[in-house]
């Protein structure tokens, strides 16, 4: 699970500071959920939605104290959030959405 936690921290900490609006807790939660879901689907396949949901909840709890604090209030654009929502892989989020 440690590699997954590191992967989630990268895009959240790389949110650009220049334009957009301050990221809300809801937006930060959405980013964490999306990356976690994509990683779990890649490693397990999308066959067990209940297990994926439970793992997403567990990851959000584990990251809440540090990662979400580092995300909430950082500048984020609507384009970046749309990119997160449409990304097919977590790597795409890192490479395309927050650069």
PDB file of N, CA and C in Angstrom:
ATOM      1  N   UNK A   1       0.813  -1.193   0.000  1.00  0.00           N
ATOM      2  CA  UNK A   1       0.000   0.000   0.000  1.00  0.00           C
ATOM      3  C   UNK A   1       0.860   1.262   0.000  1.00  0.00           C
ATOM      4  N   UNK A   2       2.085   1.208   0.480  1.00  0.00           N
ATOM      5  CA  UNK A   2       2.938   2.395   0.506  1.00  0.00           C
ATOM      6  C   UNK A   2       3.134   3.012  -0.873  1.00  0.00           C
ATOM      7  N   UNK A   3       3.416   2.235  -1.931  1.00  0.00           N
ATOM      8  CA  UNK A   3       3.558   2.870  -3.241  1.00  0.00           C
ATOM      9  C   UNK A   3       2.294   3.624  -3.651  1.00  0.00           C
ATOM     10  N   UNK A   4       1.148   3.105  -3.304  1.00  0.00           N
ATOM     11  CA  UNK A   4      -0.110   3.769  -3.630  1.00  0.00           C
ATOM     12  C   UNK A   4      -0.202   5.096  -2.894  1.00  0.00           C
ATOM     13  N   UNK A   5       0.174   5.144  -1.651  1.00  0.00           N
ATOM     14  CA  UNK A   5       0.137   6.397  -0.892  1.00  0.00           C
ATOM     15  C   UNK A   5       1.067   7.427  -1.514  1.00  0.00           C
ATOM     16  N   UNK A   6       2.253   7.016  -1.919  1.00  0.00           N
ATOM     17  CA  UNK A   6       3.183   7.940  -2.543  1.00  0.00           C
ATOM     18  C   UNK A   6       2.613   8.471  -3.846  1.00  0.00           C
ATOM     19  N   UNK A   7       2.009   7.600  -4.627  1.00  0.00           N
ATOM     20  CA  UNK A   7       1.438   7.980  -5.913  1.00  0.00           C
ATOM     21  C   UNK A   7       0.342   9.016  -5.724  1.00  0.00           C
ATOM     22  N   UNK A   8      -0.433   8.896  -4.678  1.00  0.00           N
ATOM     23  CA  UNK A   8      -1.505   9.850  -4.421  1.00  0.00           C
ATOM     24  C   UNK A   8      -0.944  11.190  -3.983  1.00  0.00           C
ATOM     25  N   UNK A   9       0.130  11.201  -3.234  1.00  0.00           N
ATOM     26  CA  UNK A   9       0.694  12.459  -2.746  1.00  0.00           C
ATOM     27  C   UNK A   9       1.262  13.308  -3.870  1.00  0.00           C
ATOM     28  N   UNK A  10       1.834  12.702  -4.875  1.00  0.00           N
ATOM     29  CA  UNK A  10       2.503  13.455  -5.933  1.00  0.00           C
ATOM     30  C   UNK A  10       1.589  14.464  -6.606  1.00  0.00           C
ATOM     31  N   UNK A  11       0.436  14.062  -7.164  1.00  0.00           N
ATOM     32  CA  UNK A  11      -0.361  15.062  -7.859  1.00  0.00           C
ATOM     33  C   UNK A  11      -0.968  16.101  -6.930  1.00  0.00           C
ATOM     34  N   UNK A  12      -1.314  15.724  -5.727  1.00  0.00           N
ATOM     35  CA  UNK A  12      -1.919  16.677  -4.813  1.00  0.00           C
ATOM     36  C   UNK A  12      -0.910  17.745  -4.426  1.00  0.00           C
ATOM     37  N   UNK A  13       0.326  17.365  -4.214  1.00  0.00           N
ATOM     38  CA  UNK A  13       1.343  18.335  -3.840  1.00  0.00           C
ATOM     39  C   UNK A  13       1.809  19.155  -5.026  1.00  0.00           C
ATOM     40  N   UNK A  14       1.509  18.704  -6.233  1.00  0.00           N
ATOM     41  CA  UNK A  14       1.941  19.406  -7.438  1.00  0.00           C
ATOM     42  C   UNK A  14       0.873  20.340  -7.997  1.00  0.00           C
ATOM     43  N   UNK A  15      -0.210  20.549  -7.269  1.00  0.00           N
ATOM     44  CA  UNK A  15      -1.263  21.439  -7.752  1.00  0.00           C
ATOM     45  C   UNK A  15      -0.654  22.818  -7.990  1.00  0.00           C
ATOM     46  N   UNK A  16      -0.852  23.359  -9.177  1.00  0.00           N
ATOM     47  CA  UNK A  16      -0.237  24.645  -9.498  1.00  0.00           C
ATOM     48  C   UNK A  16      -0.751  25.783  -8.619  1.00  0.00           C
ATOM     49  N   UNK A  17       0.115  26.728  -8.361  1.00  0.00           N
ATOM     50  CA  UNK A  17      -0.233  27.829  -7.480  1.00  0.00           C
ATOM     51  C   UNK A  17      -0.745  29.055  -8.233  1.00  0.00           C
ATOM     52  N   UNK A  18      -0.583  29.121  -9.532  1.00  0.00           N
ATOM     53  CA  UNK A  18      -0.797  30.351 -10.263  1.00  0.00           C
ATOM     54  C   UNK A  18      -2.223  30.763 -10.537  1.00  0.00           C
ATOM     55  N   UNK A  19      -3.108  29.885 -10.916  1.00  0.00           N
ATOM     56  CA  UNK A  19      -4.436  30.305 -11.351  1.00  0.00           C
ATOM     57  C   UNK A  19      -5.486  29.357 -10.776  1.00  0.00           C
ATOM     58  N   UNK A  20      -6.714  29.590 -11.133  1.00  0.00           N
ATOM     59  CA  UNK A  20      -7.783  28.732 -10.650  1.00  0.00           C
ATOM     60  C   UNK A  20      -8.369  29.258  -9.357  1.00  0.00           C
ATOM     61  N   UNK A  21      -8.770  28.324  -8.509  1.00  0.00           N
ATOM     62  CA  UNK A  21      -9.402  28.665  -7.235  1.00  0.00           C
ATOM     63  C   UNK A  21      -8.825  27.768  -6.145  1.00  0.00           C
ATOM     64  N   UNK A  22      -8.999  28.134  -4.885  1.00  0.00           N
ATOM     65  CA  UNK A  22      -8.509  27.272  -3.811  1.00  0.00           C
ATOM     66  C   UNK A  22      -9.256  25.934  -3.823  1.00  0.00           C
ATOM     67  N   UNK A  23      -8.519  24.851  -3.758  1.00  0.00           N
ATOM     68  CA  UNK A  23      -9.123  23.518  -3.770  1.00  0.00           C
ATOM     69  C   UNK A  23      -9.928  23.306  -2.489  1.00  0.00           C
ATOM     70  N   UNK A  24     -11.129  22.799  -2.673  1.00  0.00           N
ATOM     71  CA  UNK A  24     -11.979  22.493  -1.521  1.00  0.00           C
ATOM     72  C   UNK A  24     -11.646  21.100  -1.000  1.00  0.00           C
ATOM     73  N   UNK A  25     -12.112  20.819   0.196  1.00  0.00           N
ATOM     74  CA  UNK A  25     -11.910  19.476   0.743  1.00  0.00           C
ATOM     75  C   UNK A  25     -12.584  18.440  -0.155  1.00  0.00           C
ATOM     76  N   UNK A  26     -13.747  18.786  -0.684  1.00  0.00           N
ATOM     77  CA  UNK A  26     -14.467  17.875  -1.575  1.00  0.00           C
ATOM     78  C   UNK A  26     -13.644  17.564  -2.830  1.00  0.00           C
ATOM     79  N   UNK A  27     -13.027  18.574  -3.413  1.00  0.00           N
ATOM     80  CA  UNK A  27     -12.192  18.352  -4.601  1.00  0.00           C
ATOM     81  C   UNK A  27     -10.982  17.490  -4.270  1.00  0.00           C
ATOM     82  N   UNK A  28     -10.358  17.746  -3.134  1.00  0.00           N
ATOM     83  CA  UNK A  28      -9.201  16.954  -2.728  1.00  0.00           C
ATOM     84  C   UNK A  28      -9.596  15.499  -2.477  1.00  0.00           C
ATOM     85  N   UNK A  29     -10.746  15.299  -1.843  1.00  0.00           N
ATOM     86  CA  UNK A  29     -11.258  13.943  -1.631  1.00  0.00           C
ATOM     87  C   UNK A  29     -11.487  13.253  -2.975  1.00  0.00           C
ATOM     88  N   UNK A  30     -12.032  13.999  -3.927  1.00  0.00           N
ATOM     89  CA  UNK A  30     -12.299  13.435  -5.249  1.00  0.00           C
ATOM     90  C   UNK A  30     -11.001  12.996  -5.942  1.00  0.00           C
ATOM     91  N   UNK A  31      -9.957  13.791  -5.815  1.00  0.00           N
ATOM     92  CA  UNK A  31      -8.668  13.437  -6.411  1.00  0.00           C
ATOM     93  C   UNK A  31      -8.136  12.153  -5.792  1.00  0.00           C
ATOM     94  N   UNK A  32      -8.163  12.080  -4.462  1.00  0.00           N
ATOM     95  CA  UNK A  32      -7.690  10.882  -3.764  1.00  0.00           C
ATOM     96  C   UNK A  32      -8.509   9.666  -4.186  1.00  0.00           C
ATOM     97  N   UNK A  33      -9.817   9.812  -4.215  1.00  0.00           N
ATOM     98  CA  UNK A  33     -10.690   8.701  -4.599  1.00  0.00           C
ATOM     99  C   UNK A  33     -10.410   8.228  -6.019  1.00  0.00           C
ATOM    100  N   UNK A  34     -10.243   9.164  -6.925  1.00  0.00           N
ATOM    101  CA  UNK A  34     -10.036   8.796  -8.328  1.00  0.00           C
ATOM    102  C   UNK A  34      -8.723   8.054  -8.518  1.00  0.00           C
ATOM    103  N   UNK A  35      -7.654   8.573  -7.940  1.00  0.00           N
ATOM    104  CA  UNK A  35      -6.356   7.916  -8.079  1.00  0.00           C
ATOM    105  C   UNK A  35      -6.375   6.547  -7.428  1.00  0.00           C
ATOM    106  N   UNK A  36      -6.941   6.460  -6.235  1.00  0.00           N
ATOM    107  CA  UNK A  36      -7.008   5.182  -5.532  1.00  0.00           C
ATOM    108  C   UNK A  36      -7.817   4.170  -6.322  1.00  0.00           C
ATOM    109  N   UNK A  37      -8.963   4.589  -6.825  1.00  0.00           N
ATOM    110  CA  UNK A  37      -9.818   3.683  -7.601  1.00  0.00           C
ATOM    111  C   UNK A  37      -9.095   3.191  -8.845  1.00  0.00           C
ATOM    112  N   UNK A  38      -8.454   4.091  -9.575  1.00  0.00           N
ATOM    113  CA  UNK A  38      -7.738   3.686 -10.786  1.00  0.00           C
ATOM    114  C   UNK A  38      -6.614   2.705 -10.469  1.00  0.00           C
ATOM    115  N   UNK A  39      -5.880   2.959  -9.394  1.00  0.00           N
ATOM    116  CA  UNK A  39      -4.791   2.049  -9.009  1.00  0.00           C
ATOM    117  C   UNK A  39      -5.321   0.675  -8.599  1.00  0.00           C
ATOM    118  N   UNK A  40      -6.395   0.662  -7.830  1.00  0.00           N
ATOM    119  CA  UNK A  40      -6.952  -0.610  -7.391  1.00  0.00           C
ATOM    120  C   UNK A  40      -7.552  -1.396  -8.560  1.00  0.00           C
ATOM    121  N   UNK A  41      -8.202  -0.709  -9.466  1.00  0.00           N
ATOM    122  CA  UNK A  41      -8.752  -1.388 -10.640  1.00  0.00           C
ATOM    123  C   UNK A  41      -7.638  -1.969 -11.491  1.00  0.00           C
ATOM    124  N   UNK A  42      -6.530  -1.256 -11.567  1.00  0.00           N
ATOM    125  CA  UNK A  42      -5.390  -1.746 -12.346  1.00  0.00           C
ATOM    126  C   UNK A  42      -4.793  -2.994 -11.698  1.00  0.00           C
ATOM    127  N   UNK A  43      -4.678  -2.982 -10.381  1.00  0.00           N
ATOM    128  CA  UNK A  43      -4.037  -4.105  -9.699  1.00  0.00           C
ATOM    129  C   UNK A  43      -4.970  -5.292  -9.471  1.00  0.00           C
ATOM    130  N   UNK A  44      -6.248  -5.033  -9.291  1.00  0.00           N
ATOM    131  CA  UNK A  44      -7.198  -6.105  -8.985  1.00  0.00           C
ATOM    132  C   UNK A  44      -8.189  -6.382 -10.095  1.00  0.00           C
ATOM    133  N   UNK A  45      -8.328  -5.461 -11.009  1.00  0.00           N
ATOM    134  CA  UNK A  45      -9.402  -5.549 -11.989  1.00  0.00           C
ATOM    135  C   UNK A  45     -10.645  -4.916 -11.387  1.00  0.00           C
ATOM    136  N   UNK A  46     -11.583  -4.569 -12.202  1.00  0.00           N
ATOM    137  CA  UNK A  46     -12.777  -3.860 -11.748  1.00  0.00           C
ATOM    138  C   UNK A  46     -13.869  -4.808 -11.292  1.00  0.00           C
ATOM    139  N   UNK A  47     -13.535  -6.065 -11.072  1.00  0.00           N
ATOM    140  CA  UNK A  47     -14.563  -7.059 -10.794  1.00  0.00           C
ATOM    141  C   UNK A  47     -15.192  -6.948  -9.408  1.00  0.00           C
ATOM    142  N   UNK A  48     -14.499  -6.429  -8.431  1.00  0.00           N
ATOM    143  CA  UNK A  48     -15.028  -6.391  -7.072  1.00  0.00           C
ATOM    144  C   UNK A  48     -15.200  -4.948  -6.607  1.00  0.00           C
ATOM    145  N   UNK A  49     -16.294  -4.336  -7.013  1.00  0.00           N
ATOM    146  CA  UNK A  49     -16.540  -2.929  -6.704  1.00  0.00           C
ATOM    147  C   UNK A  49     -16.622  -2.673  -5.204  1.00  0.00           C
ATOM    148  N   UNK A  50     -17.170  -3.619  -4.442  1.00  0.00           N
ATOM    149  CA  UNK A  50     -17.299  -3.443  -2.993  1.00  0.00           C
ATOM    150  C   UNK A  50     -15.913  -3.389  -2.332  1.00  0.00           C
ATOM    151  N   UNK A  51     -15.021  -4.263  -2.757  1.00  0.00           N
ATOM    152  CA  UNK A  51     -13.663  -4.275  -2.202  1.00  0.00           C
ATOM    153  C   UNK A  51     -12.921  -2.992  -2.574  1.00  0.00           C
ATOM    154  N   UNK A  52     -13.106  -2.534  -3.812  1.00  0.00           N
ATOM    155  CA  UNK A  52     -12.470  -1.293  -4.247  1.00  0.00           C
ATOM    156  C   UNK A  52     -12.985  -0.134  -3.397  1.00  0.00           C
ATOM    157  N   UNK A  53     -14.292  -0.075  -3.186  1.00  0.00           N
ATOM    158  CA  UNK A  53     -14.873   0.984  -2.370  1.00  0.00           C
ATOM    159  C   UNK A  53     -14.335   0.990  -0.953  1.00  0.00           C
ATOM    160  N   UNK A  54     -14.206  -0.188  -0.366  1.00  0.00           N
ATOM    161  CA  UNK A  54     -13.667  -0.296   0.990  1.00  0.00           C
ATOM    162  C   UNK A  54     -12.217   0.161   1.040  1.00  0.00           C
ATOM    163  N   UNK A  55     -11.442  -0.197   0.036  1.00  0.00           N
ATOM    164  CA  UNK A  55     -10.034   0.191  -0.016  1.00  0.00           C
ATOM    165  C   UNK A  55      -9.893   1.704  -0.218  1.00  0.00           C
ATOM    166  N   UNK A  56     -10.778   2.279  -1.024  1.00  0.00           N
ATOM    167  CA  UNK A  56     -10.770   3.733  -1.219  1.00  0.00           C
ATOM    168  C   UNK A  56     -11.042   4.430   0.114  1.00  0.00           C
ATOM    169  N   UNK A  57     -12.029   3.951   0.848  1.00  0.00           N
ATOM    170  CA  UNK A  57     -12.342   4.539   2.154  1.00  0.00           C
ATOM    171  C   UNK A  57     -11.161   4.423   3.109  1.00  0.00           C
ATOM    172  N   UNK A  58     -10.512   3.267   3.119  1.00  0.00           N
ATOM    173  CA  UNK A  58      -9.359   3.048   3.987  1.00  0.00           C
ATOM    174  C   UNK A  58      -8.214   3.994   3.614  1.00  0.00           C
ATOM    175  N   UNK A  59      -7.978   4.158   2.335  1.00  0.00           N
ATOM    176  CA  UNK A  59      -6.910   5.039   1.874  1.00  0.00           C
ATOM    177  C   UNK A  59      -7.209   6.489   2.237  1.00  0.00           C
ATOM    178  N   UNK A  60      -8.458   6.926   2.056  1.00  0.00           N
ATOM    179  CA  UNK A  60      -8.827   8.295   2.417  1.00  0.00           C
ATOM    180  C   UNK A  60      -8.579   8.549   3.901  1.00  0.00           C
ATOM    181  N   UNK A  61      -8.919   7.585   4.741  1.00  0.00           N
ATOM    182  CA  UNK A  61      -8.694   7.746   6.175  1.00  0.00           C
ATOM    183  C   UNK A  61      -7.205   7.844   6.481  1.00  0.00           C
ATOM    184  N   UNK A  62      -6.409   6.996   5.831  1.00  0.00           N
ATOM    185  CA  UNK A  62      -4.969   6.985   6.079  1.00  0.00           C
ATOM    186  C   UNK A  62      -4.309   8.286   5.628  1.00  0.00           C
ATOM    187  N   UNK A  63      -4.837   8.891   4.588  1.00  0.00           N
ATOM    188  CA  UNK A  63      -4.229  10.095   4.036  1.00  0.00           C
ATOM    189  C   UNK A  63      -4.813  11.385   4.590  1.00  0.00           C
ATOM    190  N   UNK A  64      -5.890  11.301   5.301  1.00  0.00           N
ATOM    191  CA  UNK A  64      -6.616  12.493   5.723  1.00  0.00           C
ATOM    192  C   UNK A  64      -5.754  13.478   6.505  1.00  0.00           C
ATOM    193  N   UNK A  65      -4.951  13.005   7.411  1.00  0.00           N
ATOM    194  CA  UNK A  65      -4.227  13.919   8.286  1.00  0.00           C
ATOM    195  C   UNK A  65      -3.169  14.742   7.555  1.00  0.00           C
ATOM    196  N   UNK A  66      -2.498  14.177   6.569  1.00  0.00           N
ATOM    197  CA  UNK A  66      -1.422  14.922   5.913  1.00  0.00           C
ATOM    198  C   UNK A  66      -1.766  15.370   4.496  1.00  0.00           C
ATOM    199  N   UNK A  67      -2.120  14.442   3.665  1.00  0.00           N
ATOM    200  CA  UNK A  67      -2.300  14.749   2.248  1.00  0.00           C
ATOM    201  C   UNK A  67      -3.422  15.732   2.015  1.00  0.00           C
ATOM    202  N   UNK A  68      -4.551  15.522   2.641  1.00  0.00           N
ATOM    203  CA  UNK A  68      -5.660  16.441   2.407  1.00  0.00           C
ATOM    204  C   UNK A  68      -5.345  17.833   2.940  1.00  0.00           C
ATOM    205  N   UNK A  69      -4.615  17.915   4.045  1.00  0.00           N
ATOM    206  CA  UNK A  69      -4.212  19.224   4.558  1.00  0.00           C
ATOM    207  C   UNK A  69      -3.305  19.929   3.560  1.00  0.00           C
ATOM    208  N   UNK A  70      -2.457  19.155   2.865  1.00  0.00           N
ATOM    209  CA  UNK A  70      -1.563  19.739   1.876  1.00  0.00           C
ATOM    210  C   UNK A  70      -2.300  20.136   0.602  1.00  0.00           C
ATOM    211  N   UNK A  71      -3.471  19.607   0.388  1.00  0.00           N
ATOM    212  CA  UNK A  71      -4.233  19.869  -0.829  1.00  0.00           C
ATOM    213  C   UNK A  71      -5.236  21.005  -0.643  1.00  0.00           C
ATOM    214  N   UNK A  72      -6.002  20.956   0.419  1.00  0.00           N
ATOM    215  CA  UNK A  72      -7.076  21.934   0.629  1.00  0.00           C
ATOM    216  C   UNK A  72      -6.483  23.344   0.662  1.00  0.00           C
ATOM    217  N   UNK A  73      -7.049  24.201  -0.176  1.00  0.00           N
ATOM    218  CA  UNK A  73      -6.604  25.588  -0.232  1.00  0.00           C
ATOM    219  C   UNK A  73      -5.579  25.875  -1.312  1.00  0.00           C
ATOM    220  N   UNK A  74      -4.930  24.833  -1.848  1.00  0.00           N
ATOM    221  CA  UNK A  74      -3.995  25.039  -2.957  1.00  0.00           C
ATOM    222  C   UNK A  74      -4.791  25.417  -4.195  1.00  0.00           C
ATOM    223  N   UNK A  75      -4.171  26.129  -5.101  1.00  0.00           N
ATOM    224  CA  UNK A  75      -4.856  26.556  -6.316  1.00  0.00           C
ATOM    225  C   UNK A  75      -5.077  25.365  -7.242  1.00  0.00           C
ATOM    226  N   UNK A  76      -6.273  25.288  -7.797  1.00  0.00           N
ATOM    227  CA  UNK A  76      -6.612  24.228  -8.735  1.00  0.00           C
ATOM    228  C   UNK A  76      -7.548  24.811  -9.786  1.00  0.00           C
ATOM    229  N   UNK A  77      -7.446  24.308 -10.986  1.00  0.00           N
ATOM    230  CA  UNK A  77      -8.296  24.816 -12.065  1.00  0.00           C
ATOM    231  C   UNK A  77      -9.431  23.834 -12.343  1.00  0.00           C
ATOM    232  N   UNK A  78     -10.463  24.349 -12.949  1.00  0.00           N
ATOM    233  CA  UNK A  78     -11.562  23.482 -13.375  1.00  0.00           C
ATOM    234  C   UNK A  78     -11.063  22.476 -14.414  1.00  0.00           C
ATOM    235  N   UNK A  79     -10.110  22.909 -15.257  1.00  0.00           N
ATOM    236  CA  UNK A  79      -9.545  22.020 -16.264  1.00  0.00           C
ATOM    237  C   UNK A  79      -8.826  20.837 -15.605  1.00  0.00           C
ATOM    238  N   UNK A  80      -8.093  21.104 -14.533  1.00  0.00           N
ATOM    239  CA  UNK A  80      -7.391  20.032 -13.834  1.00  0.00           C
ATOM    240  C   UNK A  80      -8.381  19.036 -13.235  1.00  0.00           C
ATOM    241  N   UNK A  81      -9.462  19.535 -12.660  1.00  0.00           N
ATOM    242  CA  UNK A  81     -10.466  18.629 -12.090  1.00  0.00           C
ATOM    243  C   UNK A  81     -11.158  17.812 -13.172  1.00  0.00           C
ATOM    244  N   UNK A  82     -11.442  18.415 -14.307  1.00  0.00           N
ATOM    245  CA  UNK A  82     -12.049  17.675 -15.403  1.00  0.00           C
ATOM    246  C   UNK A  82     -11.089  16.599 -15.907  1.00  0.00           C
ATOM    247  N   UNK A  83      -9.823  16.925 -15.948  1.00  0.00           N
ATOM    248  CA  UNK A  83      -8.797  15.957 -16.347  1.00  0.00           C
ATOM    249  C   UNK A  83      -8.776  14.776 -15.377  1.00  0.00           C
ATOM    250  N   UNK A  84      -8.842  15.053 -14.084  1.00  0.00           N
ATOM    251  CA  UNK A  84      -8.875  13.983 -13.075  1.00  0.00           C
ATOM    252  C   UNK A  84     -10.077  13.076 -13.315  1.00  0.00           C
ATOM    253  N   UNK A  85     -11.217  13.679 -13.570  1.00  0.00           N
ATOM    254  CA  UNK A  85     -12.454  12.905 -13.762  1.00  0.00           C
ATOM    255  C   UNK A  85     -12.418  12.031 -15.007  1.00  0.00           C
ATOM    256  N   UNK A  86     -11.721  12.477 -16.035  1.00  0.00           N
ATOM    257  CA  UNK A  86     -11.720  11.719 -17.292  1.00  0.00           C
ATOM    258  C   UNK A  86     -10.490  10.842 -17.478  1.00  0.00           C
ATOM    259  N   UNK A  87      -9.527  10.937 -16.585  1.00  0.00           N
ATOM    260  CA  UNK A  87      -8.300  10.142 -16.713  1.00  0.00           C
ATOM    261  C   UNK A  87      -8.606   8.650 -16.662  1.00  0.00           C
ATOM    262  N   UNK A  88      -7.871   7.904 -17.456  1.00  0.00           N
ATOM    263  CA  UNK A  88      -8.047   6.447 -17.478  1.00  0.00           C
ATOM    264  C   UNK A  88      -7.023   5.725 -16.611  1.00  0.00           C
ATOM    265  N   UNK A  89      -5.947   6.435 -16.238  1.00  0.00           N
ATOM    266  CA  UNK A  89      -4.935   5.848 -15.363  1.00  0.00           C
ATOM    267  C   UNK A  89      -4.477   6.882 -14.345  1.00  0.00           C
ATOM    268  N   UNK A  90      -3.948   6.408 -13.243  1.00  0.00           N
ATOM    269  CA  UNK A  90      -3.417   7.331 -12.242  1.00  0.00           C
ATOM    270  C   UNK A  90      -2.190   8.052 -12.787  1.00  0.00           C
ATOM    271  N   UNK A  91      -1.416   7.396 -13.604  1.00  0.00           N
ATOM    272  CA  UNK A  91      -0.245   8.028 -14.202  1.00  0.00           C
ATOM    273  C   UNK A  91      -0.654   9.190 -15.097  1.00  0.00           C
ATOM    274  N   UNK A  92      -1.763   9.048 -15.788  1.00  0.00           N
ATOM    275  CA  UNK A  92      -2.268  10.131 -16.624  1.00  0.00           C
ATOM    276  C   UNK A  92      -2.605  11.351 -15.761  1.00  0.00           C
ATOM    277  N   UNK A  93      -3.151  11.123 -14.586  1.00  0.00           N
ATOM    278  CA  UNK A  93      -3.447  12.235 -13.678  1.00  0.00           C
ATOM    279  C   UNK A  93      -2.164  12.961 -13.305  1.00  0.00           C
ATOM    280  N   UNK A  94      -1.142  12.208 -12.964  1.00  0.00           N
ATOM    281  CA  UNK A  94       0.135  12.798 -12.578  1.00  0.00           C
ATOM    282  C   UNK A  94       0.781  13.529 -13.744  1.00  0.00           C
ATOM    283  N   UNK A  95       0.788  12.898 -14.920  1.00  0.00           N
ATOM    284  CA  UNK A  95       1.481  13.463 -16.067  1.00  0.00           C
ATOM    285  C   UNK A  95       0.730  14.597 -16.737  1.00  0.00           C
ATOM    286  N   UNK A  96      -0.589  14.525 -16.767  1.00  0.00           N
ATOM    287  CA  UNK A  96      -1.362  15.476 -17.581  1.00  0.00           C
ATOM    288  C   UNK A  96      -2.162  16.501 -16.776  1.00  0.00           C
ATOM    289  N   UNK A  97      -2.715  16.120 -15.660  1.00  0.00           N
ATOM    290  CA  UNK A  97      -3.677  16.981 -14.982  1.00  0.00           C
ATOM    291  C   UNK A  97      -3.048  18.078 -14.133  1.00  0.00           C
ATOM    292  N   UNK A  98      -1.897  17.842 -13.577  1.00  0.00           N
ATOM    293  CA  UNK A  98      -1.295  18.802 -12.647  1.00  0.00           C
ATOM    294  C   UNK A  98       0.054  19.324 -13.097  1.00  0.00           C
ATOM    295  N   UNK A  99       0.274  19.339 -14.383  1.00  0.00           N
ATOM    296  CA  UNK A  99       1.537  19.891 -14.913  1.00  0.00           C
ATOM    297  C   UNK A  99       1.251  21.022 -15.820  1.00  0.00           C
TER     298      UNK A  99
END
